[in-house]
N, C-alpha and C. Protein backbone atom coordinates (compact mmCIF):
# COMPACT_ATOMS: atom_id res chain seq x y z
N MET A 1 75.92 188.24 87.85
CA MET A 1 75.75 186.84 88.14
C MET A 1 74.33 186.32 87.79
N ASN A 2 73.35 187.18 88.06
CA ASN A 2 71.98 186.79 87.69
C ASN A 2 71.83 186.55 86.22
N ARG A 3 72.45 187.37 85.40
CA ARG A 3 72.45 187.24 83.99
C ARG A 3 73.01 185.90 83.58
N ILE A 4 74.20 185.53 84.14
CA ILE A 4 74.82 184.33 83.85
C ILE A 4 73.97 183.16 84.28
N ARG A 5 73.48 183.30 85.43
CA ARG A 5 72.45 182.19 85.90
C ARG A 5 71.31 181.93 85.00
N ALA A 6 70.77 183.06 84.50
CA ALA A 6 69.56 182.90 83.60
C ALA A 6 70.05 182.22 82.23
N THR A 7 71.20 182.62 81.83
CA THR A 7 71.71 181.95 80.63
C THR A 7 71.91 180.43 80.86
N THR A 8 72.38 180.09 82.04
CA THR A 8 72.53 178.68 82.32
C THR A 8 71.29 177.94 82.39
N ILE A 9 70.30 178.51 82.90
CA ILE A 9 68.93 177.83 83.02
C ILE A 9 68.40 177.70 81.62
N ALA A 10 68.55 178.66 80.73
CA ALA A 10 68.14 178.63 79.41
C ALA A 10 68.81 177.42 78.60
N ALA A 11 70.03 177.22 78.97
CA ALA A 11 70.80 176.10 78.35
C ALA A 11 70.17 174.72 78.78
N CYS A 12 69.73 174.70 80.02
CA CYS A 12 69.03 173.48 80.43
C CYS A 12 67.69 173.26 79.75
N ALA A 13 67.07 174.33 79.39
CA ALA A 13 65.80 174.06 78.67
C ALA A 13 66.03 173.44 77.33
N LEU A 14 67.25 173.72 76.78
CA LEU A 14 67.57 173.08 75.47
C LEU A 14 67.63 171.57 75.59
N LEU A 15 68.19 171.12 76.72
CA LEU A 15 68.33 169.68 76.96
C LEU A 15 67.05 168.99 77.07
N LEU A 16 66.00 169.63 77.79
CA LEU A 16 64.80 168.95 78.23
C LEU A 16 63.70 168.88 77.20
N SER A 17 63.96 169.30 75.96
CA SER A 17 62.94 169.17 74.90
C SER A 17 62.99 167.77 74.46
N ALA A 18 61.79 167.22 74.08
CA ALA A 18 61.74 165.99 73.64
C ALA A 18 62.58 165.65 72.40
N ALA A 19 62.54 166.64 71.38
CA ALA A 19 63.37 166.46 70.17
C ALA A 19 64.76 166.92 70.43
N GLY A 20 64.98 167.40 71.68
CA GLY A 20 66.43 167.87 72.02
C GLY A 20 66.68 169.27 71.60
N LEU A 21 65.67 170.05 70.98
CA LEU A 21 65.81 171.39 70.56
C LEU A 21 64.65 172.24 71.01
N VAL A 22 64.95 173.35 71.74
CA VAL A 22 63.95 174.27 72.10
C VAL A 22 64.50 175.62 71.79
N THR A 23 63.92 176.50 71.10
CA THR A 23 64.48 177.80 70.73
C THR A 23 64.00 178.79 71.79
N LEU A 24 64.93 179.38 72.48
CA LEU A 24 64.76 180.47 73.41
C LEU A 24 65.14 181.76 72.91
N ALA A 25 64.25 182.64 72.66
CA ALA A 25 64.64 184.00 72.10
C ALA A 25 64.66 185.05 73.19
N PHE A 26 65.71 185.73 73.29
CA PHE A 26 65.89 186.79 74.32
C PHE A 26 65.99 188.16 73.51
N GLY A 27 65.17 189.08 73.72
CA GLY A 27 65.20 190.34 73.11
C GLY A 27 66.45 191.20 73.67
N ALA A 28 67.02 191.98 72.71
CA ALA A 28 68.12 192.78 73.11
C ALA A 28 68.01 194.07 72.43
N SER A 29 68.17 195.20 73.18
CA SER A 29 68.06 196.49 72.56
C SER A 29 69.32 196.83 71.93
N PRO A 30 69.35 197.77 70.93
CA PRO A 30 70.60 198.10 70.21
C PRO A 30 71.58 198.77 71.08
N THR A 31 72.86 198.49 70.83
CA THR A 31 73.93 199.07 71.61
C THR A 31 74.22 200.41 71.23
N PRO A 32 74.18 201.48 72.21
CA PRO A 32 74.54 202.81 71.81
C PRO A 32 76.00 202.92 71.37
N ALA A 33 76.24 203.88 70.38
CA ALA A 33 77.60 204.09 69.90
C ALA A 33 78.56 204.26 71.01
N SER A 34 78.07 205.00 72.03
CA SER A 34 79.02 205.34 73.20
C SER A 34 79.43 204.14 73.92
N ALA A 35 78.71 203.04 73.73
CA ALA A 35 79.10 201.83 74.56
C ALA A 35 79.75 200.84 73.63
N ALA A 36 80.30 201.28 72.49
CA ALA A 36 80.91 200.40 71.57
C ALA A 36 82.13 199.75 72.16
N THR A 37 82.85 200.34 73.02
CA THR A 37 84.07 199.81 73.60
C THR A 37 83.81 198.84 74.77
N ALA A 38 82.54 198.74 75.21
CA ALA A 38 82.19 197.82 76.34
C ALA A 38 82.34 196.40 75.92
N PRO A 39 82.66 195.47 76.95
CA PRO A 39 82.83 194.03 76.58
C PRO A 39 81.41 193.52 76.07
N THR A 40 81.57 192.78 74.92
CA THR A 40 80.34 192.19 74.35
C THR A 40 80.09 190.70 74.73
N SER A 41 81.05 190.14 75.52
CA SER A 41 80.97 188.76 75.89
C SER A 41 81.64 188.54 77.21
N VAL A 42 81.32 187.61 77.93
CA VAL A 42 81.97 187.30 79.19
C VAL A 42 83.42 186.92 78.91
N ARG A 43 83.70 186.39 77.66
CA ARG A 43 85.10 186.05 77.35
C ARG A 43 85.99 187.35 77.23
N ASP A 44 85.31 188.44 76.97
CA ASP A 44 86.14 189.73 76.89
C ASP A 44 86.31 190.39 78.13
N SER A 45 85.75 189.87 79.24
CA SER A 45 85.91 190.47 80.54
C SER A 45 87.29 190.19 81.15
N PRO A 46 87.80 191.18 81.99
CA PRO A 46 89.12 190.89 82.53
C PRO A 46 89.07 189.73 83.55
N GLY A 47 90.13 188.93 83.44
CA GLY A 47 90.26 187.81 84.39
C GLY A 47 89.58 186.54 83.88
N TRP A 48 88.76 186.67 82.68
CA TRP A 48 88.14 185.40 82.21
C TRP A 48 89.11 184.30 81.67
N TYR A 49 88.83 183.13 82.04
CA TYR A 49 89.68 182.04 81.52
C TYR A 49 88.69 180.88 81.25
N PRO A 50 89.02 179.97 80.23
CA PRO A 50 88.08 178.87 79.87
C PRO A 50 87.98 177.90 81.05
N THR A 51 86.74 177.29 81.21
CA THR A 51 86.48 176.34 82.21
C THR A 51 87.09 174.97 81.83
N VAL A 52 87.74 174.38 82.74
CA VAL A 52 88.22 172.91 82.40
C VAL A 52 87.07 172.01 82.24
N ASP A 53 86.98 171.36 81.21
CA ASP A 53 85.81 170.53 80.90
C ASP A 53 86.26 169.14 80.37
N PRO A 54 86.74 168.20 81.24
CA PRO A 54 87.19 166.95 80.77
C PRO A 54 86.22 166.12 80.02
N GLU A 55 84.87 166.47 80.28
CA GLU A 55 83.83 165.55 79.67
C GLU A 55 83.13 166.34 78.49
N SER A 56 83.89 167.22 77.86
CA SER A 56 83.33 167.97 76.71
C SER A 56 82.77 167.14 75.63
N MET A 57 83.30 165.96 75.43
CA MET A 57 82.98 165.07 74.36
C MET A 57 81.53 164.49 74.55
N SER A 58 81.08 164.56 75.82
CA SER A 58 79.80 164.01 76.05
C SER A 58 78.72 164.77 75.31
N VAL A 59 78.95 166.04 74.93
CA VAL A 59 78.05 166.84 74.21
C VAL A 59 77.91 166.22 72.78
N VAL A 60 79.02 165.77 72.28
CA VAL A 60 79.07 165.23 70.84
C VAL A 60 78.34 163.77 70.84
N ILE A 61 78.63 162.99 71.83
CA ILE A 61 78.01 161.59 71.85
C ILE A 61 76.61 161.58 72.50
N GLY A 62 76.26 162.68 73.12
CA GLY A 62 74.91 162.78 73.64
C GLY A 62 74.69 162.23 75.11
N ARG A 63 75.71 161.82 75.74
CA ARG A 63 75.52 161.23 77.11
C ARG A 63 76.91 161.21 77.85
N ARG A 64 76.81 161.14 79.18
CA ARG A 64 77.99 160.99 79.96
C ARG A 64 78.32 159.48 80.19
N THR A 65 79.57 159.14 79.67
CA THR A 65 79.82 157.72 79.62
C THR A 65 80.19 157.21 80.97
N HIS A 66 80.50 158.10 81.97
CA HIS A 66 80.90 157.58 83.27
C HIS A 66 79.75 157.73 84.33
N ALA A 67 78.50 157.92 83.81
CA ALA A 67 77.48 157.92 84.75
C ALA A 67 77.23 156.43 85.35
N PRO A 68 76.99 156.40 86.68
CA PRO A 68 76.82 155.07 87.32
C PRO A 68 75.57 154.28 86.91
N LEU A 69 75.59 152.95 87.06
CA LEU A 69 74.41 152.12 86.90
C LEU A 69 73.60 152.40 88.21
N VAL A 70 72.18 152.41 87.92
CA VAL A 70 71.35 152.56 89.12
C VAL A 70 70.35 151.45 89.19
N LYS A 71 69.83 151.29 90.35
CA LYS A 71 68.90 150.20 90.68
C LYS A 71 67.42 150.63 90.67
N MET A 72 67.24 151.93 90.84
CA MET A 72 65.89 152.48 91.04
C MET A 72 65.05 152.13 89.80
N PRO A 73 63.80 151.65 90.02
CA PRO A 73 62.93 151.33 88.80
C PRO A 73 61.99 152.58 88.55
N LEU A 74 61.48 152.60 87.40
CA LEU A 74 60.36 153.53 87.06
C LEU A 74 59.14 152.84 87.70
N THR A 75 58.31 153.72 88.26
CA THR A 75 57.00 153.17 88.80
C THR A 75 55.84 153.77 88.11
N GLY A 76 54.76 152.92 87.90
CA GLY A 76 53.58 153.47 87.25
C GLY A 76 53.79 153.42 85.75
N GLY A 77 53.18 154.27 85.02
CA GLY A 77 53.32 154.34 83.63
C GLY A 77 52.72 153.07 82.91
N ALA A 78 53.31 152.61 81.86
CA ALA A 78 52.90 151.53 81.08
C ALA A 78 53.94 150.49 80.79
N HIS A 79 53.61 149.31 80.33
CA HIS A 79 54.54 148.19 80.04
C HIS A 79 54.97 148.14 78.56
N SER A 80 54.48 149.04 77.72
CA SER A 80 54.87 149.14 76.32
C SER A 80 54.51 150.45 75.84
N LEU A 81 54.99 150.80 74.64
CA LEU A 81 54.58 152.03 73.94
C LEU A 81 53.01 151.97 73.65
N LYS A 82 52.64 150.72 73.15
CA LYS A 82 51.21 150.52 72.82
C LYS A 82 50.38 150.74 73.92
N GLU A 83 50.71 150.17 75.11
CA GLU A 83 49.96 150.26 76.33
C GLU A 83 49.93 151.80 76.76
N MET A 84 51.03 152.44 76.60
CA MET A 84 51.03 153.86 76.91
C MET A 84 50.03 154.68 76.04
N GLY A 85 49.99 154.35 74.78
CA GLY A 85 49.03 154.98 73.89
C GLY A 85 47.64 154.85 74.34
N ARG A 86 47.27 153.50 74.62
CA ARG A 86 45.92 153.22 75.06
C ARG A 86 45.59 153.90 76.36
N THR A 87 46.53 153.98 77.29
CA THR A 87 46.26 154.58 78.63
C THR A 87 46.05 156.03 78.42
N VAL A 88 46.87 156.69 77.56
CA VAL A 88 46.73 158.13 77.31
C VAL A 88 45.33 158.42 76.77
N CYS A 89 44.84 157.61 75.79
CA CYS A 89 43.53 157.79 75.21
C CYS A 89 42.49 157.68 76.24
N ARG A 90 42.58 156.82 77.27
CA ARG A 90 41.64 156.66 78.31
C ARG A 90 41.73 157.88 79.17
N MET A 91 42.83 158.34 79.57
CA MET A 91 42.98 159.52 80.42
C MET A 91 42.51 160.81 79.77
N LEU A 92 42.64 160.93 78.50
CA LEU A 92 42.10 162.03 77.73
C LEU A 92 40.62 162.06 77.87
N GLN A 93 40.04 160.93 77.72
CA GLN A 93 38.56 160.73 77.74
C GLN A 93 38.02 161.22 79.12
N SER A 94 38.89 161.01 80.24
CA SER A 94 38.47 161.45 81.54
C SER A 94 38.49 162.88 81.77
N GLY A 95 39.31 163.56 80.92
CA GLY A 95 39.40 165.02 80.94
C GLY A 95 40.08 165.58 82.17
N SER A 96 40.94 164.74 82.81
CA SER A 96 41.72 165.16 84.03
C SER A 96 43.11 165.35 83.72
N PRO A 97 43.64 166.57 83.78
CA PRO A 97 45.12 166.76 83.60
C PRO A 97 46.04 165.92 84.55
N ASP A 98 45.47 165.79 85.78
CA ASP A 98 46.25 165.00 86.79
C ASP A 98 46.46 163.53 86.34
N SER A 99 45.45 163.02 85.64
CA SER A 99 45.62 161.68 85.19
C SER A 99 46.71 161.51 84.06
N ILE A 100 46.82 162.54 83.22
CA ILE A 100 47.93 162.50 82.25
C ILE A 100 49.25 162.77 82.93
N HIS A 101 49.24 163.70 84.01
CA HIS A 101 50.55 164.04 84.68
C HIS A 101 51.00 162.73 85.42
N ALA A 102 50.09 161.89 85.86
CA ALA A 102 50.54 160.73 86.69
C ALA A 102 51.30 159.81 85.84
N LEU A 103 51.17 159.92 84.56
CA LEU A 103 51.99 159.02 83.62
C LEU A 103 53.39 159.55 83.26
N CYS A 104 53.65 160.68 83.85
CA CYS A 104 55.03 161.37 83.58
C CYS A 104 55.97 160.87 84.63
N VAL A 105 57.32 161.13 84.19
CA VAL A 105 58.35 160.93 85.14
C VAL A 105 58.32 161.75 86.33
N THR A 106 58.67 161.19 87.51
CA THR A 106 58.60 161.98 88.76
C THR A 106 59.97 162.72 89.07
N GLU A 107 59.94 163.52 90.05
CA GLU A 107 61.16 164.25 90.42
C GLU A 107 62.28 163.31 90.77
N ALA A 108 62.01 162.32 91.61
CA ALA A 108 63.02 161.35 92.06
C ALA A 108 63.51 160.59 90.94
N GLU A 109 62.69 160.17 89.96
CA GLU A 109 63.14 159.42 88.74
C GLU A 109 64.09 160.24 87.92
N PHE A 110 63.71 161.50 87.74
CA PHE A 110 64.55 162.37 86.95
C PHE A 110 65.90 162.54 87.67
N ARG A 111 65.91 162.83 88.96
CA ARG A 111 67.10 163.07 89.71
C ARG A 111 68.02 161.88 89.74
N ASP A 112 67.48 160.73 90.00
CA ASP A 112 68.31 159.47 90.32
C ASP A 112 68.56 158.67 89.09
N ILE A 113 67.73 158.68 87.99
CA ILE A 113 67.95 157.90 86.86
C ILE A 113 68.41 158.64 85.62
N LEU A 114 67.64 159.68 85.37
CA LEU A 114 67.88 160.41 84.02
C LEU A 114 68.99 161.49 84.04
N TRP A 115 68.87 162.39 85.03
CA TRP A 115 69.73 163.61 84.93
C TRP A 115 71.23 163.36 84.86
N ARG A 116 71.73 162.39 85.67
CA ARG A 116 73.21 162.26 85.72
C ARG A 116 73.77 161.70 84.32
N GLU A 117 72.93 161.24 83.45
CA GLU A 117 73.43 160.79 82.14
C GLU A 117 73.43 161.84 81.12
N PHE A 118 72.78 162.97 81.31
CA PHE A 118 72.73 163.96 80.40
C PHE A 118 74.02 164.81 80.32
N PRO A 119 74.49 165.21 79.14
CA PRO A 119 75.71 166.00 79.15
C PRO A 119 75.65 167.35 79.94
N GLN A 120 74.41 167.92 80.10
CA GLN A 120 74.35 169.16 80.79
C GLN A 120 74.48 168.95 82.31
N SER A 121 74.56 167.70 82.82
CA SER A 121 74.80 167.45 84.25
C SER A 121 76.28 167.46 84.57
N ARG A 122 77.11 167.52 83.65
CA ARG A 122 78.54 167.48 83.98
C ARG A 122 78.87 168.76 84.72
N PRO A 123 79.94 168.74 85.61
CA PRO A 123 80.24 169.80 86.52
C PRO A 123 80.55 171.18 85.87
N ALA A 124 81.11 171.08 84.62
CA ALA A 124 81.57 172.31 83.94
C ALA A 124 80.34 173.22 83.59
N THR A 125 79.25 172.72 83.50
CA THR A 125 78.00 173.57 83.09
C THR A 125 77.57 174.36 84.26
N GLY A 126 77.81 173.92 85.51
CA GLY A 126 77.29 174.64 86.63
C GLY A 126 75.80 174.36 86.95
N LEU A 127 75.21 173.49 86.18
CA LEU A 127 73.81 173.20 86.29
C LEU A 127 73.61 172.21 87.45
N THR A 128 72.41 172.19 88.09
CA THR A 128 72.04 171.14 89.06
C THR A 128 70.79 170.43 88.57
N TRP A 129 70.51 169.28 89.12
CA TRP A 129 69.37 168.49 88.79
C TRP A 129 68.10 169.32 89.13
N GLU A 130 68.15 170.26 90.15
CA GLU A 130 66.99 171.09 90.45
C GLU A 130 66.69 172.09 89.24
N ASP A 131 67.75 172.59 88.61
CA ASP A 131 67.54 173.40 87.47
C ASP A 131 66.79 172.64 86.29
N GLY A 132 67.29 171.41 86.15
CA GLY A 132 66.61 170.62 85.01
C GLY A 132 65.23 170.27 85.34
N TRP A 133 65.07 169.86 86.56
CA TRP A 133 63.62 169.50 86.95
C TRP A 133 62.68 170.62 86.87
N ARG A 134 63.16 171.82 87.24
CA ARG A 134 62.21 173.01 87.31
C ARG A 134 61.69 173.17 85.81
N VAL A 135 62.56 173.04 84.90
CA VAL A 135 62.19 173.29 83.43
C VAL A 135 61.27 172.13 82.96
N LEU A 136 61.69 170.91 83.30
CA LEU A 136 60.93 169.69 82.83
C LEU A 136 59.56 169.69 83.49
N ASP A 137 59.45 169.95 84.85
CA ASP A 137 58.19 169.79 85.43
C ASP A 137 57.23 170.82 85.01
N ASN A 138 57.75 172.03 84.81
CA ASN A 138 56.78 173.03 84.17
C ASN A 138 56.29 172.69 82.86
N ARG A 139 57.17 172.03 81.98
CA ARG A 139 56.62 171.60 80.73
C ARG A 139 55.64 170.43 80.78
N LEU A 140 55.88 169.49 81.64
CA LEU A 140 54.96 168.35 81.85
C LEU A 140 53.65 168.82 82.42
N THR A 141 53.71 169.71 83.34
CA THR A 141 52.41 170.22 83.96
C THR A 141 51.63 170.93 82.97
N SER A 142 52.15 171.89 82.25
CA SER A 142 51.41 172.64 81.20
C SER A 142 51.07 171.77 80.05
N GLY A 143 51.95 170.86 79.71
CA GLY A 143 51.55 169.89 78.61
C GLY A 143 50.43 169.05 78.93
N SER A 144 50.33 168.54 80.17
CA SER A 144 49.17 167.71 80.56
C SER A 144 47.88 168.49 80.54
N ARG A 145 47.98 169.82 81.02
CA ARG A 145 46.84 170.70 81.16
C ARG A 145 46.36 170.97 79.62
N ASP A 146 47.22 171.41 78.77
CA ASP A 146 46.85 171.73 77.42
C ASP A 146 46.35 170.61 76.65
N ALA A 147 46.90 169.38 76.89
CA ALA A 147 46.40 168.21 76.10
C ALA A 147 44.95 167.91 76.42
N THR A 148 44.71 167.98 77.76
CA THR A 148 43.24 167.74 78.19
C THR A 148 42.30 168.80 77.68
N ALA A 149 42.82 170.06 77.60
CA ALA A 149 42.04 171.15 77.07
C ALA A 149 41.75 171.03 75.67
N ASP A 150 42.73 170.52 74.81
CA ASP A 150 42.58 170.35 73.38
C ASP A 150 41.89 169.06 73.00
N PHE A 151 42.12 168.02 73.70
CA PHE A 151 41.65 166.70 73.20
C PHE A 151 40.81 166.02 74.27
N GLY A 152 40.58 166.49 75.49
CA GLY A 152 39.90 165.85 76.62
C GLY A 152 38.34 165.79 76.28
N ARG A 153 37.81 164.89 77.14
CA ARG A 153 36.34 164.72 77.11
C ARG A 153 35.83 164.17 75.80
N ARG A 154 36.61 163.37 75.10
CA ARG A 154 36.19 162.72 73.81
C ARG A 154 36.80 161.22 73.82
N LYS A 155 36.02 160.41 73.24
CA LYS A 155 36.48 159.00 73.11
C LYS A 155 37.47 158.76 72.03
N TYR A 156 38.59 158.18 72.35
CA TYR A 156 39.59 157.85 71.33
C TYR A 156 39.97 156.37 71.43
N GLU A 157 40.24 155.78 70.25
CA GLU A 157 40.79 154.44 70.16
C GLU A 157 42.18 154.58 69.59
N PHE A 158 43.15 154.11 70.41
CA PHE A 158 44.55 154.18 70.09
C PHE A 158 44.80 153.35 68.82
N VAL A 159 45.58 153.95 67.83
CA VAL A 159 45.90 153.18 66.59
C VAL A 159 47.37 152.88 66.55
N ARG A 160 48.24 153.83 66.80
CA ARG A 160 49.65 153.61 66.68
C ARG A 160 50.48 154.87 67.13
N PHE A 161 51.75 154.65 67.38
CA PHE A 161 52.61 155.83 67.47
C PHE A 161 53.36 155.93 66.18
N GLU A 162 53.53 157.06 65.52
CA GLU A 162 54.35 157.34 64.46
C GLU A 162 55.52 158.22 64.87
N ARG A 163 56.56 158.35 64.07
CA ARG A 163 57.70 159.19 64.31
C ARG A 163 57.60 160.49 63.54
N ASN A 164 57.80 161.60 64.17
CA ASN A 164 57.65 162.89 63.49
C ASN A 164 58.68 163.08 62.45
N ARG A 165 59.90 162.49 62.53
CA ARG A 165 60.87 162.59 61.58
C ARG A 165 61.43 161.15 61.28
N SER A 166 60.89 160.56 60.33
CA SER A 166 61.24 159.06 60.11
C SER A 166 62.63 158.84 59.65
N THR A 167 63.25 159.80 59.11
CA THR A 167 64.56 159.68 58.60
C THR A 167 65.70 159.86 59.68
N ALA A 168 65.28 160.30 60.87
CA ALA A 168 66.29 160.51 61.84
C ALA A 168 66.25 159.40 62.87
N ASP A 169 67.30 159.23 63.69
CA ASP A 169 67.31 158.25 64.74
C ASP A 169 66.42 158.80 65.88
N THR A 170 65.35 158.06 66.22
CA THR A 170 64.39 158.61 67.11
C THR A 170 64.47 157.93 68.48
N THR A 171 65.45 157.01 68.66
CA THR A 171 65.55 156.41 69.96
C THR A 171 67.01 156.55 70.46
N ALA A 172 67.23 157.26 71.63
CA ALA A 172 68.49 157.50 72.26
C ALA A 172 68.79 156.42 73.31
N ILE A 173 69.83 155.80 73.29
CA ILE A 173 70.07 154.78 74.18
C ILE A 173 71.17 155.19 75.16
N TYR A 174 70.77 155.15 76.46
CA TYR A 174 71.66 155.54 77.52
C TYR A 174 72.03 154.34 78.34
N LYS A 175 72.81 154.35 79.36
CA LYS A 175 73.21 153.36 80.14
C LYS A 175 72.05 152.71 80.95
N ASN A 176 71.22 153.59 81.48
CA ASN A 176 70.13 153.21 82.42
C ASN A 176 68.74 153.28 81.72
N PHE A 177 68.63 153.74 80.58
CA PHE A 177 67.31 153.93 80.00
C PHE A 177 67.38 154.23 78.50
N LYS A 178 66.27 154.28 77.85
CA LYS A 178 66.09 154.71 76.49
C LYS A 178 65.21 155.85 76.40
N LEU A 179 65.38 156.79 75.41
CA LEU A 179 64.36 157.81 75.22
C LEU A 179 63.84 157.67 73.79
N HIS A 180 62.55 157.56 73.66
CA HIS A 180 61.86 157.46 72.34
C HIS A 180 61.34 158.83 72.03
N HIS A 181 61.98 159.44 70.96
CA HIS A 181 61.76 160.89 70.65
C HIS A 181 60.90 161.01 69.40
N ARG A 182 60.31 162.20 69.24
CA ARG A 182 59.62 162.62 68.07
C ARG A 182 58.36 161.72 67.86
N LEU A 183 57.69 161.50 68.95
CA LEU A 183 56.50 160.63 68.81
C LEU A 183 55.21 161.47 68.34
N VAL A 184 54.38 160.79 67.61
CA VAL A 184 53.16 161.34 67.19
C VAL A 184 52.02 160.25 67.55
N LEU A 185 51.14 160.56 68.43
CA LEU A 185 50.13 159.61 68.90
C LEU A 185 48.98 159.67 67.87
N VAL A 186 48.70 158.57 67.17
CA VAL A 186 47.57 158.52 66.27
C VAL A 186 46.40 157.75 66.87
N ALA A 187 45.21 158.37 66.98
CA ALA A 187 44.03 157.71 67.56
C ALA A 187 42.86 158.01 66.63
N ARG A 188 41.92 157.20 66.82
CA ARG A 188 40.66 157.24 65.97
C ARG A 188 39.51 157.86 66.90
N ARG A 189 39.01 159.01 66.49
CA ARG A 189 37.94 159.68 67.29
C ARG A 189 36.64 158.92 67.18
N ASP A 190 35.72 159.35 68.01
CA ASP A 190 34.39 158.58 67.98
C ASP A 190 33.63 158.85 66.72
N ASP A 191 34.03 159.89 65.95
CA ASP A 191 33.41 160.07 64.66
C ASP A 191 34.04 159.38 63.51
N GLY A 192 35.07 158.54 63.82
CA GLY A 192 35.76 157.65 62.81
C GLY A 192 36.96 158.32 62.26
N GLU A 193 37.21 159.58 62.47
CA GLU A 193 38.35 160.31 61.86
C GLU A 193 39.63 160.04 62.67
N LEU A 194 40.77 160.05 62.00
CA LEU A 194 42.06 159.89 62.65
C LEU A 194 42.56 161.26 63.23
N GLU A 195 43.02 161.18 64.39
CA GLU A 195 43.58 162.36 65.09
C GLU A 195 45.06 162.12 65.27
N ARG A 196 45.96 163.08 64.88
CA ARG A 196 47.35 162.97 65.13
C ARG A 196 47.68 164.02 66.23
N MET A 197 48.22 163.51 67.34
CA MET A 197 48.50 164.33 68.45
C MET A 197 50.04 164.57 68.54
N TYR A 198 50.51 165.78 68.54
CA TYR A 198 51.93 166.04 68.68
C TYR A 198 52.43 166.60 70.03
N TRP A 199 51.44 166.54 70.96
CA TRP A 199 51.82 167.13 72.31
C TRP A 199 52.61 166.22 73.04
N LEU A 200 52.58 164.84 72.91
CA LEU A 200 53.33 163.90 73.58
C LEU A 200 54.54 163.68 72.76
N ARG A 201 55.70 164.19 73.14
CA ARG A 201 56.86 164.16 72.30
C ARG A 201 57.84 163.05 72.60
N SER A 202 57.96 162.67 73.85
CA SER A 202 59.04 161.76 74.13
C SER A 202 58.62 160.82 75.33
N VAL A 203 59.01 159.53 75.30
CA VAL A 203 58.72 158.58 76.30
C VAL A 203 60.05 157.90 76.78
N VAL A 204 60.14 157.77 78.05
CA VAL A 204 61.32 157.11 78.55
C VAL A 204 61.07 155.59 78.81
N GLU A 205 61.95 154.73 78.43
CA GLU A 205 61.79 153.30 78.75
C GLU A 205 62.94 152.82 79.68
N ARG A 206 62.56 152.03 80.69
CA ARG A 206 63.50 151.46 81.59
C ARG A 206 63.00 150.08 82.04
N LYS A 207 63.70 149.04 81.75
CA LYS A 207 63.36 147.66 82.12
C LYS A 207 61.94 147.30 82.05
N GLY A 208 61.42 147.53 80.90
CA GLY A 208 59.97 147.20 80.53
C GLY A 208 58.91 148.11 81.11
N ARG A 209 59.38 149.31 81.51
CA ARG A 209 58.37 150.25 82.01
C ARG A 209 58.50 151.53 81.20
N PHE A 210 57.33 152.08 80.76
CA PHE A 210 57.43 153.31 79.96
C PHE A 210 56.59 154.49 80.63
N LYS A 211 57.30 155.68 80.54
CA LYS A 211 56.54 156.87 81.12
C LYS A 211 56.88 158.12 80.25
N ILE A 212 55.90 158.99 80.24
CA ILE A 212 56.08 160.29 79.44
C ILE A 212 57.20 161.06 80.05
N TYR A 213 58.16 161.45 79.09
CA TYR A 213 59.24 162.29 79.44
C TYR A 213 59.16 163.76 79.04
N SER A 214 58.54 164.00 77.94
CA SER A 214 58.50 165.43 77.52
C SER A 214 57.22 165.62 76.70
N THR A 215 56.67 166.84 76.90
CA THR A 215 55.48 167.26 76.12
C THR A 215 55.64 168.61 75.59
N THR A 216 54.87 169.08 74.61
CA THR A 216 54.89 170.45 74.37
C THR A 216 54.29 171.29 75.46
N ASP A 217 54.61 172.54 75.45
CA ASP A 217 54.10 173.48 76.55
C ASP A 217 53.58 174.79 76.00
């Protein structure tokens, strides 16, 4: 059961990447010849049967269509992507990871606004919002720390946000929010050179409020 649970959590990590893709590699030792007849999959185990998944098509369309409308607002953050970029540049100059982390989605916002619309929240997966938040919070915490370590204590002037893959659809529209994916923050350093920052990968938008949703870790 622990192995199945670990696989389930790994599947959740795939969801919470800003680009929607995170590669998780698990090492496996060669199978001895004497174990050739052992089951190689849960599907080969006695008594296994497929899980009923009436919402399986949500994986294809990228969201759960029956998720409810919510009233909860996003708090803090910024009022536009441009303002978010300017605010991030100021926070980097302060050199405080907590200042960057304060621009990120909170546990309550993830639980009540975001999680229930993701395909991985459907009952058939066995995942809970706590599973999703554990992965996301770790990524946001380490991303805020690494960003200030790499770019902090320097003056930046925000220039624009670019899209890392211009040919792809980089804005996902949900019932209660939008996700702006594959962002690249372009800023001018105090020496006049342009800096392209790839650590801030995704921003969530809801009713005119913008917050950081995903970072590199």
